[in-house]
Amino acid sequence: MGARDNAVGNRRGRRWVKRVGATEAWTGTADCRLCAIRGSVLFAGLKEDDFERFHRPIDQSVYGAGATIYAMGDPATSLFTIRSGLVKLTQFLPDGTQRIVRLLRSTDLIGLEALIDSEYPHTATALQPTELCRLPVEFVRSLSHSNAQLFNELMARWHKALSNADRWITEFSTGSSRDRVVRLLLWLAEARGDERCELFSREDLGAVLGLTTETASRTMAELKRQGFISEPRVNQFLCDMPSLRRLLDA
């Protein structure tokens, strides 16, 4: 890592941070211009003079699995683009139990609520090693007022977030335990573009799908026994995609 890279360790876990200035972001010396997901991220349509208005640096951060990106109730000062990895958004119930309300992956934007709220309504946690770019909310808000393309992209992101919330209810919170697990496995594998998917703890799996940890574990074991999935490494699965899809159609 370069001279301006530094490691940050606190109660929320360890992360690596790289400061990216406006010139670097535009010229590509900090991997922004050549970023593999550049065409899909919030700032994809910005021009060089837009970046020249960007006086605060972009933080490129790598969070380890289990590290907290922000906590529910924290001051909402930034939005984050996911470059790689997987992030869960969690709300905590009055009895102290958690419910994972959404999973987000590469190219997704988290912390959209910072544009209208002063505090984050969820806790965002990396489920896998996750690389993020942090975008100061005041810059995004200011630029969206003068840049119609960015404003339209923000509206599209809000619509996507609402659609994902609806999908979460209809696909991952209803039906049998087997169907819920199968839908999630397909969603994770399709994000990679092949039959592989990287899972997480059974506790988190249950919290995503509204199942007990025991039910989630039992369902995964049954799918393995029947040959629909295999586990060559811990939490690294190979999915028989056609057979899993047929299970849902049965």
C-alpha atoms as a PDB file:
ATOM      1  CA  MET A   1       0.000   0.000   0.000  1.00  0.00           C
ATOM      2  CA  GLY A   2       1.083   3.589  -0.611  1.00  0.00           C
ATOM      3  CA  ALA A   3       2.223   6.216   1.820  1.00  0.00           C
ATOM      4  CA  ARG A   4      -1.291   7.511   2.323  1.00  0.00           C
ATOM      5  CA  ASP A   5      -2.721   4.092   3.079  1.00  0.00           C
ATOM      6  CA  ASN A   6      -3.388   3.335   6.708  1.00  0.00           C
ATOM      7  CA  ALA A   7      -5.013   0.700   8.841  1.00  0.00           C
ATOM      8  CA  VAL A   8      -7.834   1.655  11.156  1.00  0.00           C
ATOM      9  CA  GLY A   9      -8.691  -0.540  14.105  1.00  0.00           C
ATOM     10  CA  ASN A  10     -11.519   0.124  16.538  1.00  0.00           C
ATOM     11  CA  ARG A  11     -14.428  -1.549  18.293  1.00  0.00           C
ATOM     12  CA  ARG A  12     -15.971  -2.338  14.908  1.00  0.00           C
ATOM     13  CA  GLY A  13     -13.092  -4.340  13.494  1.00  0.00           C
ATOM     14  CA  ARG A  14     -10.122  -3.650  11.278  1.00  0.00           C
ATOM     15  CA  ARG A  15     -10.166  -1.919   7.901  1.00  0.00           C
ATOM     16  CA  TRP A  16      -7.625  -0.550   5.455  1.00  0.00           C
ATOM     17  CA  VAL A  17      -8.194   2.976   4.151  1.00  0.00           C
ATOM     18  CA  LYS A  18      -6.740   4.647   1.071  1.00  0.00           C
ATOM     19  CA  ARG A  19      -7.330   8.379   0.516  1.00  0.00           C
ATOM     20  CA  VAL A  20      -8.178   9.251  -3.083  1.00  0.00           C
ATOM     21  CA  GLY A  21      -8.062  12.903  -4.145  1.00  0.00           C
ATOM     22  CA  ALA A  22     -10.071  14.465  -6.961  1.00  0.00           C
ATOM     23  CA  THR A  23      -7.205  14.417  -9.467  1.00  0.00           C
ATOM     24  CA  GLU A  24      -6.418  10.798  -8.725  1.00  0.00           C
ATOM     25  CA  ALA A  25     -10.077   9.844  -9.004  1.00  0.00           C
ATOM     26  CA  TRP A  26     -10.288  11.341 -12.475  1.00  0.00           C
ATOM     27  CA  THR A  27      -6.896  10.325 -13.926  1.00  0.00           C
ATOM     28  CA  GLY A  28      -7.160   6.782 -12.665  1.00  0.00           C
ATOM     29  CA  THR A  29      -3.991   6.737 -10.560  1.00  0.00           C
ATOM     30  CA  ALA A  30      -6.162   5.476  -7.719  1.00  0.00           C
ATOM     31  CA  ASP A  31      -7.925   2.864  -9.900  1.00  0.00           C
ATOM     32  CA  CYS A  32     -11.130   4.931 -10.286  1.00  0.00           C
ATOM     33  CA  ARG A  33     -10.933   5.500 -14.047  1.00  0.00           C
ATOM     34  CA  LEU A  34     -10.102   1.846 -14.677  1.00  0.00           C
ATOM     35  CA  CYS A  35     -12.408   0.508 -11.968  1.00  0.00           C
ATOM     36  CA  ALA A  36     -14.139  -2.642 -13.191  1.00  0.00           C
ATOM     37  CA  ILE A  37     -17.507  -1.405 -11.899  1.00  0.00           C
ATOM     38  CA  ARG A  38     -17.113   2.247 -12.926  1.00  0.00           C
ATOM     39  CA  GLY A  39     -19.932   2.075 -15.482  1.00  0.00           C
ATOM     40  CA  SER A  40     -22.348   0.836 -12.816  1.00  0.00           C
ATOM     41  CA  VAL A  41     -21.605   3.140  -9.892  1.00  0.00           C
ATOM     42  CA  LEU A  42     -23.185   6.394  -8.799  1.00  0.00           C
ATOM     43  CA  PHE A  43     -20.538   8.698 -10.306  1.00  0.00           C
ATOM     44  CA  ALA A  44     -20.272   6.861 -13.646  1.00  0.00           C
ATOM     45  CA  GLY A  45     -21.541   9.845 -15.647  1.00  0.00           C
ATOM     46  CA  LEU A  46     -19.470  12.586 -14.017  1.00  0.00           C
ATOM     47  CA  LYS A  47     -17.044  14.692 -16.041  1.00  0.00           C
ATOM     48  CA  GLU A  48     -13.618  15.966 -15.017  1.00  0.00           C
ATOM     49  CA  ASP A  49     -14.905  19.406 -13.995  1.00  0.00           C
ATOM     50  CA  ASP A  50     -17.373  17.691 -11.651  1.00  0.00           C
ATOM     51  CA  PHE A  51     -14.469  16.012  -9.878  1.00  0.00           C
ATOM     52  CA  GLU A  52     -12.681  19.350  -9.584  1.00  0.00           C
ATOM     53  CA  ARG A  53     -15.479  20.480  -7.248  1.00  0.00           C
ATOM     54  CA  PHE A  54     -14.736  17.508  -5.032  1.00  0.00           C
ATOM     55  CA  HIS A  55     -12.451  18.956  -2.336  1.00  0.00           C
ATOM     56  CA  ARG A  56     -12.681  16.118   0.177  1.00  0.00           C
ATOM     57  CA  PRO A  57     -10.931  12.832  -0.545  1.00  0.00           C
ATOM     58  CA  ILE A  58     -12.686   9.580  -1.333  1.00  0.00           C
ATOM     59  CA  ASP A  59     -11.850   6.812   1.119  1.00  0.00           C
ATOM     60  CA  GLN A  60     -11.284   3.391  -0.410  1.00  0.00           C
ATOM     61  CA  SER A  61     -11.658   0.987   2.495  1.00  0.00           C
ATOM     62  CA  VAL A  62     -11.373  -2.764   2.891  1.00  0.00           C
ATOM     63  CA  TYR A  63     -13.399  -4.195   5.767  1.00  0.00           C
ATOM     64  CA  GLY A  64     -12.801  -7.657   7.142  1.00  0.00           C
ATOM     65  CA  ALA A  65     -15.676 -10.090   7.570  1.00  0.00           C
ATOM     66  CA  GLY A  66     -17.670  -9.057  10.638  1.00  0.00           C
ATOM     67  CA  ALA A  67     -16.480  -5.431  10.647  1.00  0.00           C
ATOM     68  CA  THR A  68     -19.127  -2.742  11.151  1.00  0.00           C
ATOM     69  CA  ILE A  69     -19.257  -0.061   8.455  1.00  0.00           C
ATOM     70  CA  TYR A  70     -21.719   2.077  10.390  1.00  0.00           C
ATOM     71  CA  ALA A  71     -24.136   1.448  13.248  1.00  0.00           C
ATOM     72  CA  MET A  72     -27.813   2.228  13.568  1.00  0.00           C
ATOM     73  CA  GLY A  73     -28.073   5.715  15.086  1.00  0.00           C
ATOM     74  CA  ASP A  74     -24.637   6.864  13.910  1.00  0.00           C
ATOM     75  CA  PRO A  75     -24.519  10.317  12.239  1.00  0.00           C
ATOM     76  CA  ALA A  76     -25.317   9.786   8.560  1.00  0.00           C
ATOM     77  CA  THR A  77     -22.394  11.574   6.911  1.00  0.00           C
ATOM     78  CA  SER A  78     -21.547   9.329   3.957  1.00  0.00           C
ATOM     79  CA  LEU A  79     -22.817   7.053   1.233  1.00  0.00           C
ATOM     80  CA  PHE A  80     -20.834   3.965   0.237  1.00  0.00           C
ATOM     81  CA  THR A  81     -20.383   2.178  -3.076  1.00  0.00           C
ATOM     82  CA  ILE A  82     -19.583  -1.524  -2.759  1.00  0.00           C
ATOM     83  CA  ARG A  83     -16.693  -2.414  -5.077  1.00  0.00           C
ATOM     84  CA  SER A  84     -16.606  -6.049  -3.980  1.00  0.00           C
ATOM     85  CA  GLY A  85     -17.896  -8.222  -1.161  1.00  0.00           C
ATOM     86  CA  LEU A  86     -21.212  -8.589   0.643  1.00  0.00           C
ATOM     87  CA  VAL A  87     -22.856  -6.335   3.251  1.00  0.00           C
ATOM     88  CA  LYS A  88     -25.822  -6.965   5.536  1.00  0.00           C
ATOM     89  CA  LEU A  89     -28.167  -4.265   6.813  1.00  0.00           C
ATOM     90  CA  THR A  90     -29.531  -5.136  10.241  1.00  0.00           C
ATOM     91  CA  GLN A  91     -32.243  -3.783  12.478  1.00  0.00           C
ATOM     92  CA  PHE A  92     -32.495  -4.793  16.120  1.00  0.00           C
ATOM     93  CA  LEU A  93     -35.835  -5.674  17.675  1.00  0.00           C
ATOM     94  CA  PRO A  94     -36.876  -4.507  21.167  1.00  0.00           C
ATOM     95  CA  ASP A  95     -36.021  -7.936  22.611  1.00  0.00           C
ATOM     96  CA  GLY A  96     -32.459  -7.608  21.326  1.00  0.00           C
ATOM     97  CA  THR A  97     -32.754 -10.050  18.439  1.00  0.00           C
ATOM     98  CA  GLN A  98     -31.534  -9.001  15.016  1.00  0.00           C
ATOM     99  CA  ARG A  99     -33.272  -9.149  11.659  1.00  0.00           C
ATOM    100  CA  ILE A 100     -31.268  -8.766   8.495  1.00  0.00           C
ATOM    101  CA  VAL A 101     -33.435  -6.614   6.263  1.00  0.00           C
ATOM    102  CA  ARG A 102     -31.239  -6.630   3.167  1.00  0.00           C
ATOM    103  CA  LEU A 103     -28.051  -7.955   1.615  1.00  0.00           C
ATOM    104  CA  LEU A 104     -26.075  -5.766  -0.779  1.00  0.00           C
ATOM    105  CA  ARG A 105     -23.313  -6.657  -3.209  1.00  0.00           C
ATOM    106  CA  SER A 106     -20.931  -5.192  -5.795  1.00  0.00           C
ATOM    107  CA  THR A 107     -22.120  -1.891  -7.417  1.00  0.00           C
ATOM    108  CA  ASP A 108     -24.843  -1.418  -4.777  1.00  0.00           C
ATOM    109  CA  LEU A 109     -25.017   1.856  -2.850  1.00  0.00           C
ATOM    110  CA  ILE A 110     -25.520   1.811   0.918  1.00  0.00           C
ATOM    111  CA  GLY A 111     -26.378   4.687   3.213  1.00  0.00           C
ATOM    112  CA  LEU A 112     -28.802   6.386   0.800  1.00  0.00           C
ATOM    113  CA  GLU A 113     -30.776   7.479   3.842  1.00  0.00           C
ATOM    114  CA  ALA A 114     -27.976   9.947   4.616  1.00  0.00           C
ATOM    115  CA  LEU A 115     -29.441  12.207   1.927  1.00  0.00           C
ATOM    116  CA  ILE A 116     -32.596  12.802   3.973  1.00  0.00           C
ATOM    117  CA  ASP A 117     -31.930  11.580   7.531  1.00  0.00           C
ATOM    118  CA  SER A 118     -29.388  12.674  10.115  1.00  0.00           C
ATOM    119  CA  GLU A 119     -28.834   9.126  11.419  1.00  0.00           C
ATOM    120  CA  TYR A 120     -28.443   5.712   9.810  1.00  0.00           C
ATOM    121  CA  PRO A 121     -31.557   3.525  10.323  1.00  0.00           C
ATOM    122  CA  HIS A 122     -29.627   0.237  10.047  1.00  0.00           C
ATOM    123  CA  THR A 123     -26.334  -1.281  11.057  1.00  0.00           C
ATOM    124  CA  ALA A 124     -24.184  -2.158   8.033  1.00  0.00           C
ATOM    125  CA  THR A 125     -21.769  -5.061   8.504  1.00  0.00           C
ATOM    126  CA  ALA A 126     -19.406  -6.802   6.097  1.00  0.00           C
ATOM    127  CA  LEU A 127     -20.299 -10.485   5.753  1.00  0.00           C
ATOM    128  CA  GLN A 128     -17.222 -11.119   3.617  1.00  0.00           C
ATOM    129  CA  PRO A 129     -14.042  -9.117   3.032  1.00  0.00           C
ATOM    130  CA  THR A 130     -15.568  -6.029   1.421  1.00  0.00           C
ATOM    131  CA  GLU A 131     -14.072  -3.080  -0.463  1.00  0.00           C
ATOM    132  CA  LEU A 132     -15.974   0.215  -0.345  1.00  0.00           C
ATOM    133  CA  CYS A 133     -15.652   3.759  -1.618  1.00  0.00           C
ATOM    134  CA  ARG A 134     -16.975   6.342   0.849  1.00  0.00           C
ATOM    135  CA  LEU A 135     -18.746   9.357  -0.672  1.00  0.00           C
ATOM    136  CA  PRO A 136     -19.286  12.400   1.610  1.00  0.00           C
ATOM    137  CA  VAL A 137     -22.997  13.146   1.680  1.00  0.00           C
ATOM    138  CA  GLU A 138     -22.615  16.924   1.384  1.00  0.00           C
ATOM    139  CA  PHE A 139     -20.820  16.532  -1.941  1.00  0.00           C
ATOM    140  CA  VAL A 140     -23.395  14.102  -3.329  1.00  0.00           C
ATOM    141  CA  ARG A 141     -26.246  16.341  -2.182  1.00  0.00           C
ATOM    142  CA  SER A 142     -24.665  19.505  -3.595  1.00  0.00           C
ATOM    143  CA  LEU A 143     -23.716  17.997  -6.926  1.00  0.00           C
ATOM    144  CA  SER A 144     -27.129  16.374  -7.413  1.00  0.00           C
ATOM    145  CA  HIS A 145     -28.708  19.852  -7.386  1.00  0.00           C
ATOM    146  CA  SER A 146     -26.647  20.978 -10.384  1.00  0.00           C
ATOM    147  CA  ASN A 147     -26.074  17.718 -12.242  1.00  0.00           C
ATOM    148  CA  ALA A 148     -29.256  16.282 -13.755  1.00  0.00           C
ATOM    149  CA  GLN A 149     -27.575  12.994 -14.628  1.00  0.00           C
ATOM    150  CA  LEU A 150     -26.487  12.401 -11.048  1.00  0.00           C
ATOM    151  CA  PHE A 151     -29.937  13.392  -9.753  1.00  0.00           C
ATOM    152  CA  ASN A 152     -31.567  10.876 -12.108  1.00  0.00           C
ATOM    153  CA  GLU A 153     -29.101   8.209 -11.032  1.00  0.00           C
ATOM    154  CA  LEU A 154     -29.953   8.869  -7.377  1.00  0.00           C
ATOM    155  CA  MET A 155     -33.654   8.477  -8.176  1.00  0.00           C
ATOM    156  CA  ALA A 156     -32.878   5.193  -9.921  1.00  0.00           C
ATOM    157  CA  ARG A 157     -30.968   4.024  -6.843  1.00  0.00           C
ATOM    158  CA  TRP A 158     -33.929   4.883  -4.593  1.00  0.00           C
ATOM    159  CA  HIS A 159     -36.206   2.897  -6.910  1.00  0.00           C
ATOM    160  CA  LYS A 160     -33.821  -0.047  -6.864  1.00  0.00           C
ATOM    161  CA  ALA A 161     -33.689   0.039  -3.052  1.00  0.00           C
ATOM    162  CA  LEU A 162     -37.495  -0.036  -2.866  1.00  0.00           C
ATOM    163  CA  SER A 163     -37.670  -2.875  -5.383  1.00  0.00           C
ATOM    164  CA  ASN A 164     -35.087  -4.846  -3.421  1.00  0.00           C
ATOM    165  CA  ALA A 165     -37.065  -4.315  -0.215  1.00  0.00           C
ATOM    166  CA  ASP A 166     -40.179  -5.670  -1.937  1.00  0.00           C
ATOM    167  CA  ARG A 167     -38.200  -8.621  -3.270  1.00  0.00           C
ATOM    168  CA  TRP A 168     -36.868  -9.340   0.197  1.00  0.00           C
ATOM    169  CA  ILE A 169     -40.417  -9.668   1.503  1.00  0.00           C
ATOM    170  CA  THR A 170     -41.757 -11.768  -1.366  1.00  0.00           C
ATOM    171  CA  GLU A 171     -38.783 -14.052  -2.033  1.00  0.00           C
ATOM    172  CA  PHE A 172     -36.751 -14.390   1.141  1.00  0.00           C
ATOM    173  CA  SER A 173     -39.389 -14.056   3.870  1.00  0.00           C
ATOM    174  CA  THR A 174     -42.192 -16.266   2.539  1.00  0.00           C
ATOM    175  CA  GLY A 175     -42.567 -19.897   1.548  1.00  0.00           C
ATOM    176  CA  SER A 176     -41.024 -23.030   2.990  1.00  0.00           C
ATOM    177  CA  SER A 177     -37.601 -22.992   4.607  1.00  0.00           C
ATOM    178  CA  ARG A 178     -36.226 -24.969   1.655  1.00  0.00           C
ATOM    179  CA  ASP A 179     -37.567 -22.488  -0.893  1.00  0.00           C
ATOM    180  CA  ARG A 180     -36.136 -19.531   1.020  1.00  0.00           C
ATOM    181  CA  VAL A 181     -32.689 -21.119   1.228  1.00  0.00           C
ATOM    182  CA  VAL A 182     -32.756 -22.115  -2.448  1.00  0.00           C
ATOM    183  CA  ARG A 183     -33.733 -18.596  -3.553  1.00  0.00           C
ATOM    184  CA  LEU A 184     -30.859 -17.124  -1.550  1.00  0.00           C
ATOM    185  CA  LEU A 185     -28.338 -19.623  -2.929  1.00  0.00           C
ATOM    186  CA  LEU A 186     -29.439 -18.795  -6.479  1.00  0.00           C
ATOM    187  CA  TRP A 187     -29.240 -15.058  -5.768  1.00  0.00           C
ATOM    188  CA  LEU A 188     -25.696 -15.360  -4.425  1.00  0.00           C
ATOM    189  CA  ALA A 189     -24.507 -17.619  -7.248  1.00  0.00           C
ATOM    190  CA  GLU A 190     -26.114 -15.508  -9.976  1.00  0.00           C
ATOM    191  CA  ALA A 191     -24.277 -12.462  -8.620  1.00  0.00           C
ATOM    192  CA  ARG A 192     -20.983 -14.227  -9.406  1.00  0.00           C
ATOM    193  CA  GLY A 193     -22.153 -15.423 -12.799  1.00  0.00           C
ATOM    194  CA  ASP A 194     -21.421 -19.098 -12.145  1.00  0.00           C
ATOM    195  CA  GLU A 195     -22.393 -21.979  -9.880  1.00  0.00           C
ATOM    196  CA  ARG A 196     -20.232 -20.891  -6.934  1.00  0.00           C
ATOM    197  CA  CYS A 197     -21.468 -19.005  -3.906  1.00  0.00           C
ATOM    198  CA  GLU A 198     -19.854 -17.976  -0.649  1.00  0.00           C
ATOM    199  CA  LEU A 199     -22.158 -18.268   2.326  1.00  0.00           C
ATOM    200  CA  PHE A 200     -21.875 -16.972   5.879  1.00  0.00           C
ATOM    201  CA  SER A 201     -22.780 -18.188   9.362  1.00  0.00           C
ATOM    202  CA  ARG A 202     -25.956 -20.207   9.856  1.00  0.00           C
ATOM    203  CA  GLU A 203     -27.046 -17.603  12.408  1.00  0.00           C
ATOM    204  CA  ASP A 204     -26.871 -14.899   9.739  1.00  0.00           C
ATOM    205  CA  LEU A 205     -28.517 -17.214   7.223  1.00  0.00           C
ATOM    206  CA  GLY A 206     -31.446 -17.672   9.585  1.00  0.00           C
ATOM    207  CA  ALA A 207     -31.627 -13.934  10.275  1.00  0.00           C
ATOM    208  CA  VAL A 208     -31.752 -13.187   6.534  1.00  0.00           C
ATOM    209  CA  LEU A 209     -34.542 -15.669   5.874  1.00  0.00           C
ATOM    210  CA  GLY A 210     -36.557 -15.364   9.075  1.00  0.00           C
ATOM    211  CA  LEU A 211     -35.644 -18.904  10.165  1.00  0.00           C
ATOM    212  CA  THR A 212     -34.116 -20.305  13.315  1.00  0.00           C
ATOM    213  CA  THR A 213     -30.437 -21.188  13.152  1.00  0.00           C
ATOM    214  CA  GLU A 214     -31.358 -24.851  13.591  1.00  0.00           C
ATOM    215  CA  THR A 215     -33.831 -24.795  10.693  1.00  0.00           C
ATOM    216  CA  ALA A 216     -31.332 -23.041   8.424  1.00  0.00           C
ATOM    217  CA  SER A 217     -28.624 -25.598   9.290  1.00  0.00           C
ATOM    218  CA  ARG A 218     -30.974 -28.548   8.802  1.00  0.00           C
ATOM    219  CA  THR A 219     -32.159 -27.240   5.427  1.00  0.00           C
ATOM    220  CA  MET A 220     -28.597 -26.745   4.168  1.00  0.00           C
ATOM    221  CA  ALA A 221     -27.651 -30.253   5.329  1.00  0.00           C
ATOM    222  CA  GLU A 222     -30.632 -31.733   3.485  1.00  0.00           C
ATOM    223  CA  LEU A 223     -29.752 -29.935   0.243  1.00  0.00           C
ATOM    224  CA  LYS A 224     -26.190 -31.271   0.536  1.00  0.00           C
ATOM    225  CA  ARG A 225     -27.407 -34.807   1.237  1.00  0.00           C
ATOM    226  CA  GLN A 226     -29.646 -34.713  -1.837  1.00  0.00           C
ATOM    227  CA  GLY A 227     -26.800 -33.514  -4.053  1.00  0.00           C
ATOM    228  CA  PHE A 228     -28.161 -30.071  -4.904  1.00  0.00           C
ATOM    229  CA  ILE A 229     -25.115 -28.370  -3.387  1.00  0.00           C
ATOM    230  CA  SER A 230     -21.611 -29.399  -2.351  1.00  0.00           C
ATOM    231  CA  GLU A 231     -19.156 -27.742   0.024  1.00  0.00           C
ATOM    232  CA  PRO A 232     -15.539 -28.160  -1.144  1.00  0.00           C
ATOM    233  CA  ARG A 233     -14.409 -25.616   1.474  1.00  0.00           C
ATOM    234  CA  VAL A 234     -16.063 -24.223   4.578  1.00  0.00           C
ATOM    235  CA  ASN A 235     -18.928 -21.928   3.490  1.00  0.00           C
ATOM    236  CA  GLN A 236     -17.772 -22.206  -0.158  1.00  0.00           C
ATOM    237  CA  PHE A 237     -20.521 -23.944  -2.109  1.00  0.00           C
ATOM    238  CA  LEU A 238     -21.022 -25.307  -5.606  1.00  0.00           C
ATOM    239  CA  CYS A 239     -24.665 -25.152  -6.647  1.00  0.00           C
ATOM    240  CA  ASP A 240     -26.455 -27.333  -9.178  1.00  0.00           C
ATOM    241  CA  MET A 241     -28.249 -24.318 -10.619  1.00  0.00           C
ATOM    242  CA  PRO A 242     -30.680 -26.107 -12.997  1.00  0.00           C
ATOM    243  CA  SER A 243     -31.757 -28.551 -10.281  1.00  0.00           C
ATOM    244  CA  LEU A 244     -32.216 -25.785  -7.703  1.00  0.00           C
ATOM    245  CA  ARG A 245     -34.392 -23.839 -10.150  1.00  0.00           C
ATOM    246  CA  ARG A 246     -36.481 -26.951 -10.783  1.00  0.00           C
ATOM    247  CA  LEU A 247     -37.004 -27.304  -7.033  1.00  0.00           C
ATOM    248  CA  LEU A 248     -38.656 -23.882  -6.991  1.00  0.00           C
ATOM    249  CA  ASP A 249     -40.816 -24.748  -9.997  1.00  0.00           C
ATOM    250  CA  ALA A 250     -41.991 -28.060  -8.538  1.00  0.00           C
END
